[in-house]
ModelCIF file with pLDDT and N, C-alpha, C, O atoms, coordinates in Angstrom:
data_MODEL
#
_entry.id   MODEL 
#
_entity.id                         1 
_entity.type                       polymer 
_entity.pdbx_number_of_molecules   1 
#
_entity_poly.entity_id                      1 
_entity_poly.type                           'polypeptide(L)' 
_entity_poly.nstd_linkage                   no 
_entity_poly.nstd_monomer                   no 
_entity_poly.pdbx_seq_one_letter_code       KVGVTRDALVVVDSKTPELVMATANLQNVMLVSAQYLN 
_entity_poly.pdbx_seq_one_letter_code_can   KVGVTRDALVVVDSKTPELVMATANLQNVMLVSAQYLN 
_entity_poly.pdbx_strand_id                 A 
#
loop_
_entity_poly_seq.entity_id 
_entity_poly_seq.num 
_entity_poly_seq.mon_id 
_entity_poly_seq.hetero 
1 1  LYS n 
1 2  VAL n 
1 3  GLY n 
1 4  VAL n 
1 5  THR n 
1 6  ARG n 
1 7  ASP n 
1 8  ALA n 
1 9  LEU n 
1 10 VAL n 
1 11 VAL n 
1 12 VAL n 
1 13 ASP n 
1 14 SER n 
1 15 LYS n 
1 16 THR n 
1 17 PRO n 
1 18 GLU n 
1 19 LEU n 
1 20 VAL n 
1 21 MET n 
1 22 ALA n 
1 23 THR n 
1 24 ALA n 
1 25 ASN n 
1 26 LEU n 
1 27 GLN n 
1 28 ASN n 
1 29 VAL n 
1 30 MET n 
1 31 LEU n 
1 32 VAL n 
1 33 SER n 
1 34 ALA n 
1 35 GLN n 
1 36 TYR n 
1 37 LEU n 
1 38 ASN n 
#
_struct_asym.id          A 
_struct_asym.entity_id   1 
#
loop_
_ma_qa_metric.id 
_ma_qa_metric.mode 
_ma_qa_metric.name 
_ma_qa_metric.software_group_id 
_ma_qa_metric.type 
1 global pLDDT . pLDDT 
2 local  pLDDT . pLDDT 
#
_ma_qa_metric_global.metric_id      1 
_ma_qa_metric_global.metric_value   93.16 
_ma_qa_metric_global.model_id       1 
_ma_qa_metric_global.ordinal_id     1 
#
loop_
_ma_qa_metric_local.label_asym_id 
_ma_qa_metric_local.label_comp_id 
_ma_qa_metric_local.label_seq_id 
_ma_qa_metric_local.metric_id 
_ma_qa_metric_local.metric_value 
_ma_qa_metric_local.model_id 
_ma_qa_metric_local.ordinal_id 
A LYS 1  2 90.00 1 1  
A VAL 2  2 89.00 1 2  
A GLY 3  2 89.00 1 3  
A VAL 4  2 90.00 1 4  
A THR 5  2 87.00 1 5  
A ARG 6  2 90.00 1 6  
A ASP 7  2 94.00 1 7  
A ALA 8  2 95.00 1 8  
A LEU 9  2 96.00 1 9  
A VAL 10 2 96.00 1 10 
A VAL 11 2 96.00 1 11 
A VAL 12 2 94.00 1 12 
A ASP 13 2 93.00 1 13 
A SER 14 2 91.00 1 14 
A LYS 15 2 92.00 1 15 
A THR 16 2 91.00 1 16 
A PRO 17 2 93.00 1 17 
A GLU 18 2 93.00 1 18 
A LEU 19 2 94.00 1 19 
A VAL 20 2 94.00 1 20 
A MET 21 2 94.00 1 21 
A ALA 22 2 93.00 1 22 
A THR 23 2 94.00 1 23 
A ALA 24 2 93.00 1 24 
A ASN 25 2 93.00 1 25 
A LEU 26 2 93.00 1 26 
A GLN 27 2 92.00 1 27 
A ASN 28 2 93.00 1 28 
A VAL 29 2 95.00 1 29 
A MET 30 2 95.00 1 30 
A LEU 31 2 96.00 1 31 
A VAL 32 2 96.00 1 32 
A SER 33 2 95.00 1 33 
A ALA 34 2 94.00 1 34 
A GLN 35 2 93.00 1 35 
A TYR 36 2 94.00 1 36 
A LEU 37 2 95.00 1 37 
A ASN 38 2 95.00 1 38 
#
loop_
_atom_site.group_PDB 
_atom_site.id 
_atom_site.type_symbol 
_atom_site.label_atom_id 
_atom_site.label_alt_id 
_atom_site.label_comp_id 
_atom_site.label_asym_id 
_atom_site.label_entity_id 
_atom_site.label_seq_id 
_atom_site.pdbx_PDB_ins_code 
_atom_site.Cartn_x 
_atom_site.Cartn_y 
_atom_site.Cartn_z 
_atom_site.occupancy 
_atom_site.B_iso_or_equiv 
_atom_site.pdbx_formal_charge 
_atom_site.auth_seq_id 
_atom_site.auth_comp_id 
_atom_site.auth_asym_id 
_atom_site.auth_atom_id 
_atom_site.pdbx_PDB_model_num 
ATOM 1   N N  . LYS A 1 1  ? 157.633 -32.755 -36.822 1.00 90.00 ? 1  LYS A N  1 
ATOM 2   C CA . LYS A 1 1  ? 156.210 -32.609 -36.523 1.00 90.00 ? 1  LYS A CA 1 
ATOM 3   C C  . LYS A 1 1  ? 155.345 -33.549 -37.363 1.00 90.00 ? 1  LYS A C  1 
ATOM 4   O O  . LYS A 1 1  ? 154.332 -34.061 -36.885 1.00 90.00 ? 1  LYS A O  1 
ATOM 5   N N  . VAL A 1 2  ? 155.748 -33.773 -38.611 1.00 89.00 ? 2  VAL A N  1 
ATOM 6   C CA . VAL A 1 2  ? 154.934 -34.605 -39.507 1.00 89.00 ? 2  VAL A CA 1 
ATOM 7   C C  . VAL A 1 2  ? 155.302 -36.078 -39.395 1.00 89.00 ? 2  VAL A C  1 
ATOM 8   O O  . VAL A 1 2  ? 154.773 -36.908 -40.133 1.00 89.00 ? 2  VAL A O  1 
ATOM 9   N N  . GLY A 1 3  ? 156.207 -36.406 -38.476 1.00 89.00 ? 3  GLY A N  1 
ATOM 10  C CA . GLY A 1 3  ? 156.517 -37.812 -38.218 1.00 89.00 ? 3  GLY A CA 1 
ATOM 11  C C  . GLY A 1 3  ? 157.746 -38.359 -38.881 1.00 89.00 ? 3  GLY A C  1 
ATOM 12  O O  . GLY A 1 3  ? 157.934 -39.575 -38.908 1.00 89.00 ? 3  GLY A O  1 
ATOM 13  N N  . VAL A 1 4  ? 158.603 -37.499 -39.424 1.00 90.00 ? 4  VAL A N  1 
ATOM 14  C CA . VAL A 1 4  ? 159.837 -37.959 -40.060 1.00 90.00 ? 4  VAL A CA 1 
ATOM 15  C C  . VAL A 1 4  ? 160.880 -38.197 -38.982 1.00 90.00 ? 4  VAL A C  1 
ATOM 16  O O  . VAL A 1 4  ? 161.359 -37.255 -38.350 1.00 90.00 ? 4  VAL A O  1 
ATOM 17  N N  . THR A 1 5  ? 161.227 -39.452 -38.776 1.00 87.00 ? 5  THR A N  1 
ATOM 18  C CA . THR A 1 5  ? 162.195 -39.807 -37.732 1.00 87.00 ? 5  THR A CA 1 
ATOM 19  C C  . THR A 1 5  ? 163.467 -40.443 -38.296 1.00 87.00 ? 5  THR A C  1 
ATOM 20  O O  . THR A 1 5  ? 164.500 -40.476 -37.627 1.00 87.00 ? 5  THR A O  1 
ATOM 21  N N  . ARG A 1 6  ? 163.386 -40.944 -39.515 1.00 90.00 ? 6  ARG A N  1 
ATOM 22  C CA . ARG A 1 6  ? 164.555 -41.605 -40.117 1.00 90.00 ? 6  ARG A CA 1 
ATOM 23  C C  . ARG A 1 6  ? 164.811 -41.024 -41.498 1.00 90.00 ? 6  ARG A C  1 
ATOM 24  O O  . ARG A 1 6  ? 164.421 -39.887 -41.766 1.00 90.00 ? 6  ARG A O  1 
ATOM 25  N N  . ASP A 1 7  ? 165.463 -41.786 -42.386 1.00 94.00 ? 7  ASP A N  1 
ATOM 26  C CA . ASP A 1 7  ? 165.820 -41.280 -43.714 1.00 94.00 ? 7  ASP A CA 1 
ATOM 27  C C  . ASP A 1 7  ? 164.566 -40.868 -44.484 1.00 94.00 ? 7  ASP A C  1 
ATOM 28  O O  . ASP A 1 7  ? 163.613 -41.637 -44.608 1.00 94.00 ? 7  ASP A O  1 
ATOM 29  N N  . ALA A 1 8  ? 164.589 -39.643 -44.995 1.00 95.00 ? 8  ALA A N  1 
ATOM 30  C CA . ALA A 1 8  ? 163.414 -39.097 -45.675 1.00 95.00 ? 8  ALA A CA 1 
ATOM 31  C C  . ALA A 1 8  ? 163.776 -38.592 -47.058 1.00 95.00 ? 8  ALA A C  1 
ATOM 32  O O  . ALA A 1 8  ? 164.849 -38.029 -47.275 1.00 95.00 ? 8  ALA A O  1 
ATOM 33  N N  . LEU A 1 9  ? 162.857 -38.805 -47.988 1.00 96.00 ? 9  LEU A N  1 
ATOM 34  C CA . LEU A 1 9  ? 162.963 -38.270 -49.337 1.00 96.00 ? 9  LEU A CA 1 
ATOM 35  C C  . LEU A 1 9  ? 161.906 -37.182 -49.468 1.00 96.00 ? 9  LEU A C  1 
ATOM 36  O O  . LEU A 1 9  ? 160.709 -37.468 -49.440 1.00 96.00 ? 9  LEU A O  1 
ATOM 37  N N  . VAL A 1 10 ? 162.345 -35.942 -49.609 1.00 96.00 ? 10 VAL A N  1 
ATOM 38  C CA . VAL A 1 10 ? 161.431 -34.813 -49.715 1.00 96.00 ? 10 VAL A CA 1 
ATOM 39  C C  . VAL A 1 10 ? 161.283 -34.455 -51.190 1.00 96.00 ? 10 VAL A C  1 
ATOM 40  O O  . VAL A 1 10 ? 162.253 -34.089 -51.854 1.00 96.00 ? 10 VAL A O  1 
ATOM 41  N N  . VAL A 1 11 ? 160.060 -34.568 -51.687 1.00 96.00 ? 11 VAL A N  1 
ATOM 42  C CA . VAL A 1 11 ? 159.789 -34.351 -53.116 1.00 96.00 ? 11 VAL A CA 1 
ATOM 43  C C  . VAL A 1 11 ? 159.008 -33.057 -53.282 1.00 96.00 ? 11 VAL A C  1 
ATOM 44  O O  . VAL A 1 11 ? 157.929 -32.899 -52.710 1.00 96.00 ? 11 VAL A O  1 
ATOM 45  N N  . VAL A 1 12 ? 159.553 -32.131 -54.065 1.00 94.00 ? 12 VAL A N  1 
ATOM 46  C CA . VAL A 1 12 ? 158.901 -30.849 -54.326 1.00 94.00 ? 12 VAL A CA 1 
ATOM 47  C C  . VAL A 1 12 ? 158.728 -30.685 -55.834 1.00 94.00 ? 12 VAL A C  1 
ATOM 48  O O  . VAL A 1 12 ? 159.379 -31.368 -56.624 1.00 94.00 ? 12 VAL A O  1 
ATOM 49  N N  . ASP A 1 13 ? 157.843 -29.772 -56.217 1.00 93.00 ? 13 ASP A N  1 
ATOM 50  C CA . ASP A 1 13 ? 157.645 -29.544 -57.648 1.00 93.00 ? 13 ASP A CA 1 
ATOM 51  C C  . ASP A 1 13 ? 158.865 -28.891 -58.273 1.00 93.00 ? 13 ASP A C  1 
ATOM 52  O O  . ASP A 1 13 ? 159.210 -29.184 -59.418 1.00 93.00 ? 13 ASP A O  1 
ATOM 53  N N  . SER A 1 14 ? 159.517 -28.011 -57.532 1.00 91.00 ? 14 SER A N  1 
ATOM 54  C CA . SER A 1 14 ? 160.759 -27.386 -58.002 1.00 91.00 ? 14 SER A CA 1 
ATOM 55  C C  . SER A 1 14 ? 161.565 -26.928 -56.795 1.00 91.00 ? 14 SER A C  1 
ATOM 56  O O  . SER A 1 14 ? 161.003 -26.449 -55.811 1.00 91.00 ? 14 SER A O  1 
ATOM 57  N N  . LYS A 1 15 ? 162.868 -27.075 -56.874 1.00 92.00 ? 15 LYS A N  1 
ATOM 58  C CA . LYS A 1 15 ? 163.739 -26.678 -55.763 1.00 92.00 ? 15 LYS A CA 1 
ATOM 59  C C  . LYS A 1 15 ? 163.894 -25.160 -55.727 1.00 92.00 ? 15 LYS A C  1 
ATOM 60  O O  . LYS A 1 15 ? 163.908 -24.493 -56.761 1.00 92.00 ? 15 LYS A O  1 
ATOM 61  N N  . THR A 1 16 ? 164.009 -24.641 -54.521 1.00 91.00 ? 16 THR A N  1 
ATOM 62  C CA . THR A 1 16 ? 164.327 -23.229 -54.329 1.00 91.00 ? 16 THR A CA 1 
ATOM 63  C C  . THR A 1 16 ? 165.629 -23.142 -53.546 1.00 91.00 ? 16 THR A C  1 
ATOM 64  O O  . THR A 1 16 ? 165.957 -24.070 -52.807 1.00 91.00 ? 16 THR A O  1 
ATOM 65  N N  . PRO A 1 17 ? 166.380 -22.053 -53.687 1.00 93.00 ? 17 PRO A N  1 
ATOM 66  C CA . PRO A 1 17 ? 167.638 -21.918 -52.934 1.00 93.00 ? 17 PRO A CA 1 
ATOM 67  C C  . PRO A 1 17 ? 167.439 -22.060 -51.430 1.00 93.00 ? 17 PRO A C  1 
ATOM 68  O O  . PRO A 1 17 ? 168.296 -22.609 -50.738 1.00 93.00 ? 17 PRO A O  1 
ATOM 69  N N  . GLU A 1 18 ? 166.292 -21.559 -50.916 1.00 93.00 ? 18 GLU A N  1 
ATOM 70  C CA . GLU A 1 18 ? 166.030 -21.630 -49.480 1.00 93.00 ? 18 GLU A CA 1 
ATOM 71  C C  . GLU A 1 18 ? 165.822 -23.077 -49.032 1.00 93.00 ? 18 GLU A C  1 
ATOM 72  O O  . GLU A 1 18 ? 166.332 -23.485 -47.988 1.00 93.00 ? 18 GLU A O  1 
ATOM 73  N N  . LEU A 1 19 ? 165.070 -23.854 -49.823 1.00 94.00 ? 19 LEU A N  1 
ATOM 74  C CA . LEU A 1 19 ? 164.851 -25.258 -49.472 1.00 94.00 ? 19 LEU A CA 1 
ATOM 75  C C  . LEU A 1 19 ? 166.151 -26.056 -49.540 1.00 94.00 ? 19 LEU A C  1 
ATOM 76  O O  . LEU A 1 19 ? 166.395 -26.923 -48.701 1.00 94.00 ? 19 LEU A O  1 
ATOM 77  N N  . VAL A 1 20 ? 166.970 -25.766 -50.523 1.00 94.00 ? 20 VAL A N  1 
ATOM 78  C CA . VAL A 1 20 ? 168.260 -26.451 -50.646 1.00 94.00 ? 20 VAL A CA 1 
ATOM 79  C C  . VAL A 1 20 ? 169.131 -26.165 -49.436 1.00 94.00 ? 20 VAL A C  1 
ATOM 80  O O  . VAL A 1 20 ? 169.761 -27.072 -48.892 1.00 94.00 ? 20 VAL A O  1 
ATOM 81  N N  . MET A 1 21 ? 169.168 -24.895 -49.006 1.00 94.00 ? 21 MET A N  1 
ATOM 82  C CA . MET A 1 21 ? 169.958 -24.518 -47.820 1.00 94.00 ? 21 MET A CA 1 
ATOM 83  C C  . MET A 1 21 ? 169.414 -25.181 -46.557 1.00 94.00 ? 21 MET A C  1 
ATOM 84  O O  . MET A 1 21 ? 170.179 -25.624 -45.700 1.00 94.00 ? 21 MET A O  1 
ATOM 85  N N  . ALA A 1 22 ? 168.086 -25.246 -46.450 1.00 93.00 ? 22 ALA A N  1 
ATOM 86  C CA . ALA A 1 22 ? 167.471 -25.765 -45.232 1.00 93.00 ? 22 ALA A CA 1 
ATOM 87  C C  . ALA A 1 22 ? 167.672 -27.265 -45.072 1.00 93.00 ? 22 ALA A C  1 
ATOM 88  O O  . ALA A 1 22 ? 167.691 -27.767 -43.948 1.00 93.00 ? 22 ALA A O  1 
ATOM 89  N N  . THR A 1 23 ? 167.822 -27.983 -46.169 1.00 94.00 ? 23 THR A N  1 
ATOM 90  C CA . THR A 1 23 ? 167.942 -29.448 -46.098 1.00 94.00 ? 23 THR A CA 1 
ATOM 91  C C  . THR A 1 23 ? 169.353 -29.961 -46.339 1.00 94.00 ? 23 THR A C  1 
ATOM 92  O O  . THR A 1 23 ? 169.629 -31.141 -46.124 1.00 94.00 ? 23 THR A O  1 
ATOM 93  N N  . ALA A 1 24 ? 170.246 -29.089 -46.782 1.00 93.00 ? 24 ALA A N  1 
ATOM 94  C CA . ALA A 1 24 ? 171.590 -29.543 -47.170 1.00 93.00 ? 24 ALA A CA 1 
ATOM 95  C C  . ALA A 1 24 ? 172.349 -30.183 -46.027 1.00 93.00 ? 24 ALA A C  1 
ATOM 96  O O  . ALA A 1 24 ? 173.094 -31.139 -46.242 1.00 93.00 ? 24 ALA A O  1 
ATOM 97  N N  . ASN A 1 25 ? 172.176 -29.674 -44.808 1.00 93.00 ? 25 ASN A N  1 
ATOM 98  C CA . ASN A 1 25 ? 172.929 -30.178 -43.654 1.00 93.00 ? 25 ASN A CA 1 
ATOM 99  C C  . ASN A 1 25 ? 172.171 -31.216 -42.837 1.00 93.00 ? 25 ASN A C  1 
ATOM 100 O O  . ASN A 1 25 ? 172.628 -31.619 -41.768 1.00 93.00 ? 25 ASN A O  1 
ATOM 101 N N  . LEU A 1 26 ? 171.015 -31.649 -43.333 1.00 93.00 ? 26 LEU A N  1 
ATOM 102 C CA . LEU A 1 26 ? 170.272 -32.718 -42.667 1.00 93.00 ? 26 LEU A CA 1 
ATOM 103 C C  . LEU A 1 26 ? 170.684 -34.045 -43.299 1.00 93.00 ? 26 LEU A C  1 
ATOM 104 O O  . LEU A 1 26 ? 170.319 -34.344 -44.436 1.00 93.00 ? 26 LEU A O  1 
ATOM 105 N N  . GLN A 1 27 ? 171.444 -34.828 -42.553 1.00 92.00 ? 27 GLN A N  1 
ATOM 106 C CA . GLN A 1 27 ? 172.030 -36.042 -43.114 1.00 92.00 ? 27 GLN A CA 1 
ATOM 107 C C  . GLN A 1 27 ? 170.989 -37.069 -43.519 1.00 92.00 ? 27 GLN A C  1 
ATOM 108 O O  . GLN A 1 27 ? 171.232 -37.873 -44.420 1.00 92.00 ? 27 GLN A O  1 
ATOM 109 N N  . ASN A 1 28 ? 169.844 -37.055 -42.875 1.00 93.00 ? 28 ASN A N  1 
ATOM 110 C CA . ASN A 1 28 ? 168.832 -38.074 -43.163 1.00 93.00 ? 28 ASN A CA 1 
ATOM 111 C C  . ASN A 1 28 ? 167.748 -37.578 -44.120 1.00 93.00 ? 28 ASN A C  1 
ATOM 112 O O  . ASN A 1 28 ? 166.708 -38.220 -44.266 1.00 93.00 ? 28 ASN A O  1 
ATOM 113 N N  . VAL A 1 29 ? 167.988 -36.434 -44.772 1.00 95.00 ? 29 VAL A N  1 
ATOM 114 C CA . VAL A 1 29 ? 166.992 -35.849 -45.669 1.00 95.00 ? 29 VAL A CA 1 
ATOM 115 C C  . VAL A 1 29 ? 167.599 -35.623 -47.046 1.00 95.00 ? 29 VAL A C  1 
ATOM 116 O O  . VAL A 1 29 ? 168.693 -35.072 -47.173 1.00 95.00 ? 29 VAL A O  1 
ATOM 117 N N  . MET A 1 30 ? 166.877 -36.056 -48.075 1.00 95.00 ? 30 MET A N  1 
ATOM 118 C CA . MET A 1 30 ? 167.286 -35.803 -49.454 1.00 95.00 ? 30 MET A CA 1 
ATOM 119 C C  . MET A 1 30 ? 166.176 -35.033 -50.156 1.00 95.00 ? 30 MET A C  1 
ATOM 120 O O  . MET A 1 30 ? 165.019 -35.455 -50.160 1.00 95.00 ? 30 MET A O  1 
ATOM 121 N N  . LEU A 1 31 ? 166.539 -33.905 -50.746 1.00 96.00 ? 31 LEU A N  1 
ATOM 122 C CA . LEU A 1 31 ? 165.576 -33.073 -51.465 1.00 96.00 ? 31 LEU A CA 1 
ATOM 123 C C  . LEU A 1 31 ? 165.686 -33.362 -52.950 1.00 96.00 ? 31 LEU A C  1 
ATOM 124 O O  . LEU A 1 31 ? 166.785 -33.369 -53.505 1.00 96.00 ? 31 LEU A O  1 
ATOM 125 N N  . VAL A 1 32 ? 164.552 -33.602 -53.594 1.00 96.00 ? 32 VAL A N  1 
ATOM 126 C CA . VAL A 1 32 ? 164.557 -33.939 -55.017 1.00 96.00 ? 32 VAL A CA 1 
ATOM 127 C C  . VAL A 1 32 ? 163.338 -33.330 -55.689 1.00 96.00 ? 32 VAL A C  1 
ATOM 128 O O  . VAL A 1 32 ? 162.264 -33.234 -55.095 1.00 96.00 ? 32 VAL A O  1 
ATOM 129 N N  . SER A 1 33 ? 163.521 -32.920 -56.938 1.00 95.00 ? 33 SER A N  1 
ATOM 130 C CA . SER A 1 33 ? 162.395 -32.431 -57.730 1.00 95.00 ? 33 SER A CA 1 
ATOM 131 C C  . SER A 1 33 ? 161.567 -33.611 -58.215 1.00 95.00 ? 33 SER A C  1 
ATOM 132 O O  . SER A 1 33 ? 162.099 -34.697 -58.447 1.00 95.00 ? 33 SER A O  1 
ATOM 133 N N  . ALA A 1 34 ? 160.271 -33.399 -58.369 1.00 94.00 ? 34 ALA A N  1 
ATOM 134 C CA . ALA A 1 34 ? 159.360 -34.492 -58.712 1.00 94.00 ? 34 ALA A CA 1 
ATOM 135 C C  . ALA A 1 34 ? 159.746 -35.184 -60.008 1.00 94.00 ? 34 ALA A C  1 
ATOM 136 O O  . ALA A 1 34 ? 159.609 -36.403 -60.115 1.00 94.00 ? 34 ALA A O  1 
ATOM 137 N N  . GLN A 1 35 ? 160.226 -34.435 -60.994 1.00 93.00 ? 35 GLN A N  1 
ATOM 138 C CA . GLN A 1 35 ? 160.538 -35.035 -62.289 1.00 93.00 ? 35 GLN A CA 1 
ATOM 139 C C  . GLN A 1 35 ? 161.831 -35.846 -62.280 1.00 93.00 ? 35 GLN A C  1 
ATOM 140 O O  . GLN A 1 35 ? 162.174 -36.485 -63.275 1.00 93.00 ? 35 GLN A O  1 
ATOM 141 N N  . TYR A 1 36 ? 162.553 -35.821 -61.146 1.00 94.00 ? 36 TYR A N  1 
ATOM 142 C CA . TYR A 1 36 ? 163.791 -36.590 -61.042 1.00 94.00 ? 36 TYR A CA 1 
ATOM 143 C C  . TYR A 1 36 ? 163.667 -37.744 -60.046 1.00 94.00 ? 36 TYR A C  1 
ATOM 144 O O  . TYR A 1 36 ? 164.678 -38.249 -59.557 1.00 94.00 ? 36 TYR A O  1 
ATOM 145 N N  . LEU A 1 37 ? 162.462 -38.156 -59.749 1.00 95.00 ? 37 LEU A N  1 
ATOM 146 C CA . LEU A 1 37 ? 162.264 -39.312 -58.879 1.00 95.00 ? 37 LEU A CA 1 
ATOM 147 C C  . LEU A 1 37 ? 162.867 -40.554 -59.511 1.00 95.00 ? 37 LEU A C  1 
ATOM 148 O O  . LEU A 1 37 ? 162.829 -40.719 -60.730 1.00 95.00 ? 37 LEU A O  1 
ATOM 149 N N  . ASN A 1 38 ? 163.427 -41.432 -58.677 1.00 95.00 ? 38 ASN A N  1 
ATOM 150 C CA . ASN A 1 38 ? 163.972 -42.683 -59.189 1.00 95.00 ? 38 ASN A CA 1 
ATOM 151 C C  . ASN A 1 38 ? 163.708 -43.799 -58.184 1.00 95.00 ? 38 ASN A C  1 
ATOM 152 O O  . ASN A 1 38 ? 164.088 -44.945 -58.420 1.00 95.00 ? 38 ASN A O  1 
#
């Protein structure tokens, strides 16, 4: 809906178990905490 069509880096303030589960099987999505940006 927000326009993510290819490889995406999702940056959150802190990871939650639910967010990790929701993104773990999305091959084109990487979930990362803000303080671990590189």
